[in-house]
């Protein structure tokens, strides 16, 4: 057991999965959930993701050795700063946000003495939301990025929080915030935009003719639009850069197709296949 009590702020899919994993793996003696929506708390308690829950942030974080903030990305920094006023020195904060630069910058210099924050991004999730869709094994063999280099040089806090994410089953990777945001713009944020774009240009009356390819490409388009709009806004510059690269790539495809360049099309498709094959199953 790493902590007597952890508190999860935002008990949706990621927060619920953190609670389920922490309880299943004996990481915490007690798991408390905090959420603005009492129904979310009830659902999280109903599936066993938390031991108790509250809508009162101050009450929920009191007594926690670790606070894991799993709200949408545009609310994480404010939640950390607000909660930090109600915890004891020595308390650690981490989060599950998929953007990091904006959050780290907003928290910088705003925490009380003795309260530590290690920004994190578990690369796990689903197009389905809510603690009722959480899984105790969601983080198993999945990477969790910890952000280093922005909030000071206390290596001890990074080790402590890293052990927590490892205890949930993750493989921890260290990156700085800029590198993280640039990378996930291509590996996570752009794919969501592409999936949504493909889905949106497909007439509903054609859906009866779709098969595995359409479902594979568009699955993540079913994600929460509000949550993803906040992600795109938070990582705007990096996502625009990734979008420029993708647009150039598709312009090349159009040129090859219009010119009936069979060899060029094979080469273009082969380049994509090689990258996907390198990923494995």
C-alpha atoms as a PDB file:
ATOM      1  CA  UNK A   1       0.000   0.000   0.000  1.00  0.00           C
ATOM      2  CA  UNK A   2       1.473   3.319  -1.126  1.00  0.00           C
ATOM      3  CA  UNK A   3      -1.089   5.695   0.402  1.00  0.00           C
ATOM      4  CA  UNK A   4      -3.587   5.540   3.251  1.00  0.00           C
ATOM      5  CA  UNK A   5      -5.954   7.734   1.258  1.00  0.00           C
ATOM      6  CA  UNK A   6      -6.096   8.982  -2.271  1.00  0.00           C
ATOM      7  CA  UNK A   7      -8.708  11.408  -3.532  1.00  0.00           C
ATOM      8  CA  UNK A   8      -9.844  11.441  -7.140  1.00  0.00           C
ATOM      9  CA  UNK A   9     -11.270  14.741  -8.388  1.00  0.00           C
ATOM     10  CA  UNK A  10     -13.490  13.994 -11.372  1.00  0.00           C
ATOM     11  CA  UNK A  11     -14.815  10.444 -11.264  1.00  0.00           C
ATOM     12  CA  UNK A  12     -15.534   9.804 -14.919  1.00  0.00           C
ATOM     13  CA  UNK A  13     -13.900   7.140 -17.083  1.00  0.00           C
ATOM     14  CA  UNK A  14     -10.272   7.903 -16.152  1.00  0.00           C
ATOM     15  CA  UNK A  15     -10.979   8.827 -12.538  1.00  0.00           C
ATOM     16  CA  UNK A  16     -13.193   5.786 -12.098  1.00  0.00           C
ATOM     17  CA  UNK A  17     -10.529   3.540 -13.596  1.00  0.00           C
ATOM     18  CA  UNK A  18      -7.903   5.031 -11.273  1.00  0.00           C
ATOM     19  CA  UNK A  19     -10.131   4.165  -8.328  1.00  0.00           C
ATOM     20  CA  UNK A  20     -10.887   0.659  -9.551  1.00  0.00           C
ATOM     21  CA  UNK A  21      -7.207  -0.029 -10.204  1.00  0.00           C
ATOM     22  CA  UNK A  22      -6.065   1.446  -6.893  1.00  0.00           C
ATOM     23  CA  UNK A  23      -8.554  -0.688  -4.973  1.00  0.00           C
ATOM     24  CA  UNK A  24      -7.928  -3.870  -6.963  1.00  0.00           C
ATOM     25  CA  UNK A  25      -4.155  -3.560  -6.567  1.00  0.00           C
ATOM     26  CA  UNK A  26      -4.106  -2.469  -2.959  1.00  0.00           C
ATOM     27  CA  UNK A  27      -2.493   0.862  -3.759  1.00  0.00           C
ATOM     28  CA  UNK A  28      -4.587   2.861  -1.282  1.00  0.00           C
ATOM     29  CA  UNK A  29      -6.377   2.057   1.930  1.00  0.00           C
ATOM     30  CA  UNK A  30      -9.222   4.434   1.132  1.00  0.00           C
ATOM     31  CA  UNK A  31     -10.373   6.029  -2.119  1.00  0.00           C
ATOM     32  CA  UNK A  32     -12.440   9.211  -1.965  1.00  0.00           C
ATOM     33  CA  UNK A  33     -14.173  10.690  -5.004  1.00  0.00           C
ATOM     34  CA  UNK A  34     -14.988  14.353  -5.629  1.00  0.00           C
ATOM     35  CA  UNK A  35     -17.237  15.511  -8.444  1.00  0.00           C
ATOM     36  CA  UNK A  36     -19.535  18.440  -9.158  1.00  0.00           C
ATOM     37  CA  UNK A  37     -22.242  15.988 -10.255  1.00  0.00           C
ATOM     38  CA  UNK A  38     -23.746  13.841  -7.469  1.00  0.00           C
ATOM     39  CA  UNK A  39     -24.878  11.311 -10.088  1.00  0.00           C
ATOM     40  CA  UNK A  40     -21.246  10.756 -11.117  1.00  0.00           C
ATOM     41  CA  UNK A  41     -20.357  10.086  -7.501  1.00  0.00           C
ATOM     42  CA  UNK A  42     -23.228   7.643  -7.155  1.00  0.00           C
ATOM     43  CA  UNK A  43     -22.228   5.755 -10.296  1.00  0.00           C
ATOM     44  CA  UNK A  44     -18.583   5.594  -9.200  1.00  0.00           C
ATOM     45  CA  UNK A  45     -19.593   4.265  -5.788  1.00  0.00           C
ATOM     46  CA  UNK A  46     -21.981   1.826  -7.413  1.00  0.00           C
ATOM     47  CA  UNK A  47     -19.233   0.147  -9.440  1.00  0.00           C
ATOM     48  CA  UNK A  48     -16.813   0.154  -6.487  1.00  0.00           C
ATOM     49  CA  UNK A  49     -14.442   2.787  -7.881  1.00  0.00           C
ATOM     50  CA  UNK A  50     -14.569   4.842  -4.675  1.00  0.00           C
ATOM     51  CA  UNK A  51     -15.270   4.120  -1.022  1.00  0.00           C
ATOM     52  CA  UNK A  52     -17.042   7.414  -0.471  1.00  0.00           C
ATOM     53  CA  UNK A  53     -17.681  10.603  -2.397  1.00  0.00           C
ATOM     54  CA  UNK A  54     -18.620  14.250  -2.022  1.00  0.00           C
ATOM     55  CA  UNK A  55     -19.300  17.378  -4.042  1.00  0.00           C
ATOM     56  CA  UNK A  56     -17.277  19.387  -1.480  1.00  0.00           C
ATOM     57  CA  UNK A  57     -13.705  19.718  -2.786  1.00  0.00           C
ATOM     58  CA  UNK A  58     -12.248  20.857   0.546  1.00  0.00           C
ATOM     59  CA  UNK A  59     -13.810  17.966   2.450  1.00  0.00           C
ATOM     60  CA  UNK A  60     -12.876  15.450  -0.213  1.00  0.00           C
ATOM     61  CA  UNK A  61      -9.154  16.217  -0.296  1.00  0.00           C
ATOM     62  CA  UNK A  62      -8.739  16.538   3.472  1.00  0.00           C
ATOM     63  CA  UNK A  63      -6.602  13.661   4.712  1.00  0.00           C
ATOM     64  CA  UNK A  64      -5.381  12.603   1.255  1.00  0.00           C
ATOM     65  CA  UNK A  65      -1.709  11.858   0.701  1.00  0.00           C
ATOM     66  CA  UNK A  66      -2.278  11.901  -3.063  1.00  0.00           C
ATOM     67  CA  UNK A  67      -4.862  13.808  -5.092  1.00  0.00           C
ATOM     68  CA  UNK A  68      -5.464  12.670  -8.675  1.00  0.00           C
ATOM     69  CA  UNK A  69      -7.281  15.271 -10.770  1.00  0.00           C
ATOM     70  CA  UNK A  70      -9.186  13.761 -13.688  1.00  0.00           C
ATOM     71  CA  UNK A  71     -11.444  16.605 -14.762  1.00  0.00           C
ATOM     72  CA  UNK A  72     -11.491  17.924 -18.356  1.00  0.00           C
ATOM     73  CA  UNK A  73      -8.207  19.612 -19.243  1.00  0.00           C
ATOM     74  CA  UNK A  74      -9.573  23.142 -19.034  1.00  0.00           C
ATOM     75  CA  UNK A  75     -10.466  22.644 -15.362  1.00  0.00           C
ATOM     76  CA  UNK A  76      -7.455  20.711 -14.062  1.00  0.00           C
ATOM     77  CA  UNK A  77      -5.197  23.622 -13.099  1.00  0.00           C
ATOM     78  CA  UNK A  78      -7.940  25.473 -11.219  1.00  0.00           C
ATOM     79  CA  UNK A  79      -8.929  22.286  -9.403  1.00  0.00           C
ATOM     80  CA  UNK A  80      -5.332  21.661  -8.297  1.00  0.00           C
ATOM     81  CA  UNK A  81      -4.840  25.212  -7.059  1.00  0.00           C
ATOM     82  CA  UNK A  82      -8.191  25.241  -5.248  1.00  0.00           C
ATOM     83  CA  UNK A  83      -7.666  21.847  -3.621  1.00  0.00           C
ATOM     84  CA  UNK A  84      -4.094  22.648  -2.592  1.00  0.00           C
ATOM     85  CA  UNK A  85      -5.402  25.152  -0.034  1.00  0.00           C
ATOM     86  CA  UNK A  86      -7.099  22.338   1.878  1.00  0.00           C
ATOM     87  CA  UNK A  87      -4.385  19.655   2.062  1.00  0.00           C
ATOM     88  CA  UNK A  88      -1.513  19.117   4.456  1.00  0.00           C
ATOM     89  CA  UNK A  89       2.136  19.801   3.586  1.00  0.00           C
ATOM     90  CA  UNK A  90       3.612  16.709   1.985  1.00  0.00           C
ATOM     91  CA  UNK A  91       0.559  16.026  -0.165  1.00  0.00           C
ATOM     92  CA  UNK A  92       1.173  15.101  -3.798  1.00  0.00           C
ATOM     93  CA  UNK A  93      -0.965  16.061  -6.775  1.00  0.00           C
ATOM     94  CA  UNK A  94      -1.036  14.394 -10.175  1.00  0.00           C
ATOM     95  CA  UNK A  95      -3.534  14.388 -13.020  1.00  0.00           C
ATOM     96  CA  UNK A  96      -4.816  12.535 -16.048  1.00  0.00           C
ATOM     97  CA  UNK A  97      -4.970  15.371 -18.553  1.00  0.00           C
ATOM     98  CA  UNK A  98      -3.990  14.771 -22.163  1.00  0.00           C
ATOM     99  CA  UNK A  99      -2.408  18.222 -22.518  1.00  0.00           C
ATOM    100  CA  UNK A 100       0.371  19.372 -20.248  1.00  0.00           C
ATOM    101  CA  UNK A 101       1.955  22.709 -21.142  1.00  0.00           C
ATOM    102  CA  UNK A 102      -1.133  24.764 -20.342  1.00  0.00           C
ATOM    103  CA  UNK A 103      -1.718  22.996 -17.022  1.00  0.00           C
ATOM    104  CA  UNK A 104       1.886  23.150 -15.832  1.00  0.00           C
ATOM    105  CA  UNK A 105       2.100  26.855 -16.679  1.00  0.00           C
ATOM    106  CA  UNK A 106      -1.162  27.628 -14.872  1.00  0.00           C
ATOM    107  CA  UNK A 107      -0.112  25.790 -11.694  1.00  0.00           C
ATOM    108  CA  UNK A 108       3.456  27.132 -11.626  1.00  0.00           C
ATOM    109  CA  UNK A 109       4.115  29.185  -8.471  1.00  0.00           C
ATOM    110  CA  UNK A 110       0.585  28.848  -7.101  1.00  0.00           C
ATOM    111  CA  UNK A 111       0.938  25.911  -4.682  1.00  0.00           C
ATOM    112  CA  UNK A 112       1.508  26.221  -0.921  1.00  0.00           C
ATOM    113  CA  UNK A 113       4.877  25.266   0.521  1.00  0.00           C
ATOM    114  CA  UNK A 114       5.262  21.509   0.843  1.00  0.00           C
ATOM    115  CA  UNK A 115       2.568  20.643  -1.688  1.00  0.00           C
ATOM    116  CA  UNK A 116       3.944  18.974  -4.822  1.00  0.00           C
ATOM    117  CA  UNK A 117       2.484  18.491  -8.306  1.00  0.00           C
ATOM    118  CA  UNK A 118       3.726  15.989 -10.867  1.00  0.00           C
ATOM    119  CA  UNK A 119       1.872  16.366 -14.165  1.00  0.00           C
ATOM    120  CA  UNK A 120       0.922  13.083 -15.788  1.00  0.00           C
ATOM    121  CA  UNK A 121      -0.863  11.721 -18.828  1.00  0.00           C
ATOM    122  CA  UNK A 122      -1.914   8.052 -18.828  1.00  0.00           C
ATOM    123  CA  UNK A 123      -2.185   7.040 -22.479  1.00  0.00           C
ATOM    124  CA  UNK A 124      -5.330   5.024 -21.960  1.00  0.00           C
ATOM    125  CA  UNK A 125      -8.990   5.692 -22.431  1.00  0.00           C
ATOM    126  CA  UNK A 126     -12.110   4.930 -24.390  1.00  0.00           C
ATOM    127  CA  UNK A 127     -14.687   6.677 -26.505  1.00  0.00           C
ATOM    128  CA  UNK A 128     -17.131   5.813 -23.712  1.00  0.00           C
ATOM    129  CA  UNK A 129     -17.366   8.056 -20.659  1.00  0.00           C
ATOM    130  CA  UNK A 130     -18.349   7.635 -17.031  1.00  0.00           C
ATOM    131  CA  UNK A 131     -17.064   5.545 -14.142  1.00  0.00           C
ATOM    132  CA  UNK A 132     -19.500   2.817 -15.157  1.00  0.00           C
ATOM    133  CA  UNK A 133     -17.254   2.232 -18.173  1.00  0.00           C
ATOM    134  CA  UNK A 134     -14.066   2.285 -16.109  1.00  0.00           C
ATOM    135  CA  UNK A 135     -11.793  -0.730 -15.846  1.00  0.00           C
ATOM    136  CA  UNK A 136      -9.333  -1.825 -13.195  1.00  0.00           C
ATOM    137  CA  UNK A 137      -6.946  -2.950 -15.953  1.00  0.00           C
ATOM    138  CA  UNK A 138      -7.215   0.197 -18.084  1.00  0.00           C
ATOM    139  CA  UNK A 139      -3.618   1.246 -17.351  1.00  0.00           C
ATOM    140  CA  UNK A 140      -1.989  -2.176 -17.533  1.00  0.00           C
ATOM    141  CA  UNK A 141       0.947  -2.138 -19.981  1.00  0.00           C
ATOM    142  CA  UNK A 142      -0.016   1.366 -21.098  1.00  0.00           C
ATOM    143  CA  UNK A 143       2.390   4.295 -20.985  1.00  0.00           C
ATOM    144  CA  UNK A 144       1.894   7.088 -18.479  1.00  0.00           C
ATOM    145  CA  UNK A 145       3.959  10.189 -19.260  1.00  0.00           C
ATOM    146  CA  UNK A 146       5.319  12.139 -16.297  1.00  0.00           C
ATOM    147  CA  UNK A 147       6.367  15.711 -16.967  1.00  0.00           C
ATOM    148  CA  UNK A 148       9.778  16.765 -15.714  1.00  0.00           C
ATOM    149  CA  UNK A 149      11.779  19.960 -15.882  1.00  0.00           C
ATOM    150  CA  UNK A 150       9.084  22.561 -15.330  1.00  0.00           C
ATOM    151  CA  UNK A 151       8.155  22.671 -11.652  1.00  0.00           C
ATOM    152  CA  UNK A 152      11.519  22.345  -9.958  1.00  0.00           C
ATOM    153  CA  UNK A 153      14.186  19.724  -9.483  1.00  0.00           C
ATOM    154  CA  UNK A 154      12.678  17.581  -6.718  1.00  0.00           C
ATOM    155  CA  UNK A 155      13.366  14.140  -8.121  1.00  0.00           C
ATOM    156  CA  UNK A 156      11.798  12.512  -5.070  1.00  0.00           C
ATOM    157  CA  UNK A 157       8.316  13.684  -5.932  1.00  0.00           C
ATOM    158  CA  UNK A 158       8.637  12.322  -9.466  1.00  0.00           C
ATOM    159  CA  UNK A 159       9.717   8.941  -8.106  1.00  0.00           C
ATOM    160  CA  UNK A 160       6.825   8.828  -5.622  1.00  0.00           C
ATOM    161  CA  UNK A 161       4.161   9.706  -8.177  1.00  0.00           C
ATOM    162  CA  UNK A 162       5.801   7.447 -10.766  1.00  0.00           C
ATOM    163  CA  UNK A 163       5.504   4.520  -8.378  1.00  0.00           C
ATOM    164  CA  UNK A 164       1.811   5.240  -8.036  1.00  0.00           C
ATOM    165  CA  UNK A 165       1.190   5.057 -11.788  1.00  0.00           C
ATOM    166  CA  UNK A 166       3.389   1.967 -12.040  1.00  0.00           C
ATOM    167  CA  UNK A 167       1.369   0.367  -9.257  1.00  0.00           C
ATOM    168  CA  UNK A 168      -1.732   0.811 -11.442  1.00  0.00           C
ATOM    169  CA  UNK A 169       0.037  -1.174 -14.163  1.00  0.00           C
ATOM    170  CA  UNK A 170       1.558   1.622 -16.268  1.00  0.00           C
ATOM    171  CA  UNK A 171       4.971   1.945 -17.840  1.00  0.00           C
ATOM    172  CA  UNK A 172       6.266   5.397 -16.920  1.00  0.00           C
ATOM    173  CA  UNK A 173       7.990   7.597 -19.509  1.00  0.00           C
ATOM    174  CA  UNK A 174       9.550  10.973 -18.646  1.00  0.00           C
ATOM    175  CA  UNK A 175       9.155  13.958 -20.995  1.00  0.00           C
ATOM    176  CA  UNK A 176       9.020  17.720 -20.815  1.00  0.00           C
ATOM    177  CA  UNK A 177       5.696  19.444 -21.411  1.00  0.00           C
ATOM    178  CA  UNK A 178       6.523  20.850 -24.854  1.00  0.00           C
ATOM    179  CA  UNK A 179       7.732  17.505 -26.190  1.00  0.00           C
ATOM    180  CA  UNK A 180       4.665  15.768 -24.782  1.00  0.00           C
ATOM    181  CA  UNK A 181       2.181  18.184 -26.328  1.00  0.00           C
ATOM    182  CA  UNK A 182       3.920  18.124 -29.716  1.00  0.00           C
ATOM    183  CA  UNK A 183       3.939  14.318 -29.737  1.00  0.00           C
ATOM    184  CA  UNK A 184       0.353  13.669 -28.656  1.00  0.00           C
ATOM    185  CA  UNK A 185      -0.893  16.239 -31.166  1.00  0.00           C
ATOM    186  CA  UNK A 186       0.113  13.703 -33.830  1.00  0.00           C
ATOM    187  CA  UNK A 187      -0.523  10.439 -31.983  1.00  0.00           C
ATOM    188  CA  UNK A 188      -3.798  11.301 -30.254  1.00  0.00           C
ATOM    189  CA  UNK A 189      -5.337  14.671 -31.059  1.00  0.00           C
ATOM    190  CA  UNK A 190      -5.028  14.639 -34.857  1.00  0.00           C
ATOM    191  CA  UNK A 191      -6.420  11.064 -35.089  1.00  0.00           C
ATOM    192  CA  UNK A 192      -9.510  12.174 -33.196  1.00  0.00           C
ATOM    193  CA  UNK A 193     -10.068  15.067 -35.593  1.00  0.00           C
ATOM    194  CA  UNK A 194      -9.582  12.767 -38.583  1.00  0.00           C
ATOM    195  CA  UNK A 195     -12.010  10.196 -37.163  1.00  0.00           C
ATOM    196  CA  UNK A 196     -14.607  12.889 -36.601  1.00  0.00           C
ATOM    197  CA  UNK A 197     -14.070  14.284 -40.087  1.00  0.00           C
ATOM    198  CA  UNK A 198     -14.502  10.913 -41.775  1.00  0.00           C
ATOM    199  CA  UNK A 199     -17.636  10.204 -39.745  1.00  0.00           C
ATOM    200  CA  UNK A 200     -19.153  13.620 -40.471  1.00  0.00           C
ATOM    201  CA  UNK A 201     -18.854  13.366 -44.277  1.00  0.00           C
ATOM    202  CA  UNK A 202     -20.568   9.961 -44.342  1.00  0.00           C
ATOM    203  CA  UNK A 203     -24.347  10.186 -44.928  1.00  0.00           C
ATOM    204  CA  UNK A 204     -26.272   8.237 -42.307  1.00  0.00           C
ATOM    205  CA  UNK A 205     -28.139   6.295 -45.004  1.00  0.00           C
ATOM    206  CA  UNK A 206     -24.790   4.835 -46.073  1.00  0.00           C
ATOM    207  CA  UNK A 207     -23.999   3.407 -42.647  1.00  0.00           C
ATOM    208  CA  UNK A 208     -25.673   0.120 -43.559  1.00  0.00           C
ATOM    209  CA  UNK A 209     -22.824  -0.400 -46.034  1.00  0.00           C
ATOM    210  CA  UNK A 210     -20.021   0.189 -43.531  1.00  0.00           C
ATOM    211  CA  UNK A 211     -17.826  -2.588 -42.215  1.00  0.00           C
ATOM    212  CA  UNK A 212     -14.758  -3.011 -40.030  1.00  0.00           C
ATOM    213  CA  UNK A 213     -12.656  -0.366 -41.734  1.00  0.00           C
ATOM    214  CA  UNK A 214     -15.169   2.405 -41.146  1.00  0.00           C
ATOM    215  CA  UNK A 215     -15.720   1.313 -37.561  1.00  0.00           C
ATOM    216  CA  UNK A 216     -11.976   1.153 -36.847  1.00  0.00           C
ATOM    217  CA  UNK A 217     -11.292   4.583 -38.313  1.00  0.00           C
ATOM    218  CA  UNK A 218     -14.262   6.359 -36.716  1.00  0.00           C
ATOM    219  CA  UNK A 219     -14.556   4.632 -33.303  1.00  0.00           C
ATOM    220  CA  UNK A 220     -13.024   7.492 -31.346  1.00  0.00           C
ATOM    221  CA  UNK A 221     -15.309  10.028 -33.011  1.00  0.00           C
ATOM    222  CA  UNK A 222     -17.913   8.863 -30.484  1.00  0.00           C
ATOM    223  CA  UNK A 223     -15.985  10.649 -27.721  1.00  0.00           C
ATOM    224  CA  UNK A 224     -17.392  13.575 -25.731  1.00  0.00           C
ATOM    225  CA  UNK A 225     -17.366  16.685 -28.007  1.00  0.00           C
ATOM    226  CA  UNK A 226     -17.029  19.142 -25.107  1.00  0.00           C
ATOM    227  CA  UNK A 227     -14.074  17.261 -23.667  1.00  0.00           C
ATOM    228  CA  UNK A 228     -12.329  17.110 -27.039  1.00  0.00           C
ATOM    229  CA  UNK A 229     -13.002  20.744 -27.908  1.00  0.00           C
ATOM    230  CA  UNK A 230     -11.198  21.670 -24.678  1.00  0.00           C
ATOM    231  CA  UNK A 231      -8.270  19.423 -25.616  1.00  0.00           C
ATOM    232  CA  UNK A 232      -7.937  20.949 -29.079  1.00  0.00           C
ATOM    233  CA  UNK A 233      -8.046  24.463 -27.648  1.00  0.00           C
ATOM    234  CA  UNK A 234      -5.473  23.629 -24.981  1.00  0.00           C
ATOM    235  CA  UNK A 235      -3.054  22.113 -27.512  1.00  0.00           C
ATOM    236  CA  UNK A 236      -3.964  24.426 -30.392  1.00  0.00           C
ATOM    237  CA  UNK A 237      -0.523  25.229 -31.822  1.00  0.00           C
ATOM    238  CA  UNK A 238       0.804  21.666 -31.794  1.00  0.00           C
ATOM    239  CA  UNK A 239      -2.438  20.328 -33.257  1.00  0.00           C
ATOM    240  CA  UNK A 240      -2.372  22.911 -36.040  1.00  0.00           C
ATOM    241  CA  UNK A 241       1.209  21.898 -36.861  1.00  0.00           C
ATOM    242  CA  UNK A 242       0.179  18.227 -37.009  1.00  0.00           C
ATOM    243  CA  UNK A 243      -2.824  19.152 -39.133  1.00  0.00           C
ATOM    244  CA  UNK A 244      -0.572  20.977 -41.612  1.00  0.00           C
ATOM    245  CA  UNK A 245       1.559  17.859 -42.039  1.00  0.00           C
ATOM    246  CA  UNK A 246      -1.532  15.706 -42.516  1.00  0.00           C
ATOM    247  CA  UNK A 247      -3.059  18.132 -45.011  1.00  0.00           C
ATOM    248  CA  UNK A 248       0.175  18.119 -47.032  1.00  0.00           C
ATOM    249  CA  UNK A 249       0.145  14.333 -46.999  1.00  0.00           C
ATOM    250  CA  UNK A 250      -3.440  14.167 -48.254  1.00  0.00           C
ATOM    251  CA  UNK A 251      -2.703  16.790 -50.921  1.00  0.00           C
ATOM    252  CA  UNK A 252       0.059  14.508 -52.180  1.00  0.00           C
ATOM    253  CA  UNK A 253      -2.428  11.615 -52.290  1.00  0.00           C
ATOM    254  CA  UNK A 254      -4.878  13.731 -54.287  1.00  0.00           C
ATOM    255  CA  UNK A 255      -2.162  14.697 -56.778  1.00  0.00           C
ATOM    256  CA  UNK A 256      -1.115  11.069 -57.257  1.00  0.00           C
ATOM    257  CA  UNK A 257      -4.710   9.961 -57.740  1.00  0.00           C
ATOM    258  CA  UNK A 258      -5.560  12.747 -60.163  1.00  0.00           C
ATOM    259  CA  UNK A 259      -2.476  12.005 -62.257  1.00  0.00           C
ATOM    260  CA  UNK A 260      -3.185   8.242 -62.256  1.00  0.00           C
ATOM    261  CA  UNK A 261       0.286   7.621 -60.819  1.00  0.00           C
ATOM    262  CA  UNK A 262      -0.034   3.957 -59.823  1.00  0.00           C
ATOM    263  CA  UNK A 263       3.580   3.611 -58.723  1.00  0.00           C
ATOM    264  CA  UNK A 264       3.278   6.781 -56.649  1.00  0.00           C
ATOM    265  CA  UNK A 265       0.123   5.519 -54.982  1.00  0.00           C
ATOM    266  CA  UNK A 266       1.813   2.232 -54.089  1.00  0.00           C
ATOM    267  CA  UNK A 267       4.759   4.127 -52.635  1.00  0.00           C
ATOM    268  CA  UNK A 268       2.429   6.471 -50.692  1.00  0.00           C
ATOM    269  CA  UNK A 269       0.430   3.571 -49.268  1.00  0.00           C
ATOM    270  CA  UNK A 270       3.592   1.570 -48.506  1.00  0.00           C
ATOM    271  CA  UNK A 271       4.993   4.419 -46.415  1.00  0.00           C
ATOM    272  CA  UNK A 272       1.869   4.414 -44.265  1.00  0.00           C
ATOM    273  CA  UNK A 273       1.833   0.620 -44.024  1.00  0.00           C
ATOM    274  CA  UNK A 274       5.433   0.551 -42.817  1.00  0.00           C
ATOM    275  CA  UNK A 275       4.673   2.894 -39.918  1.00  0.00           C
ATOM    276  CA  UNK A 276       1.530   0.953 -38.943  1.00  0.00           C
ATOM    277  CA  UNK A 277       3.351  -2.381 -39.183  1.00  0.00           C
ATOM    278  CA  UNK A 278       6.046  -1.029 -36.850  1.00  0.00           C
ATOM    279  CA  UNK A 279       3.375  -0.458 -34.202  1.00  0.00           C
ATOM    280  CA  UNK A 280       2.410  -4.120 -34.163  1.00  0.00           C
ATOM    281  CA  UNK A 281      -0.986  -5.387 -33.103  1.00  0.00           C
END
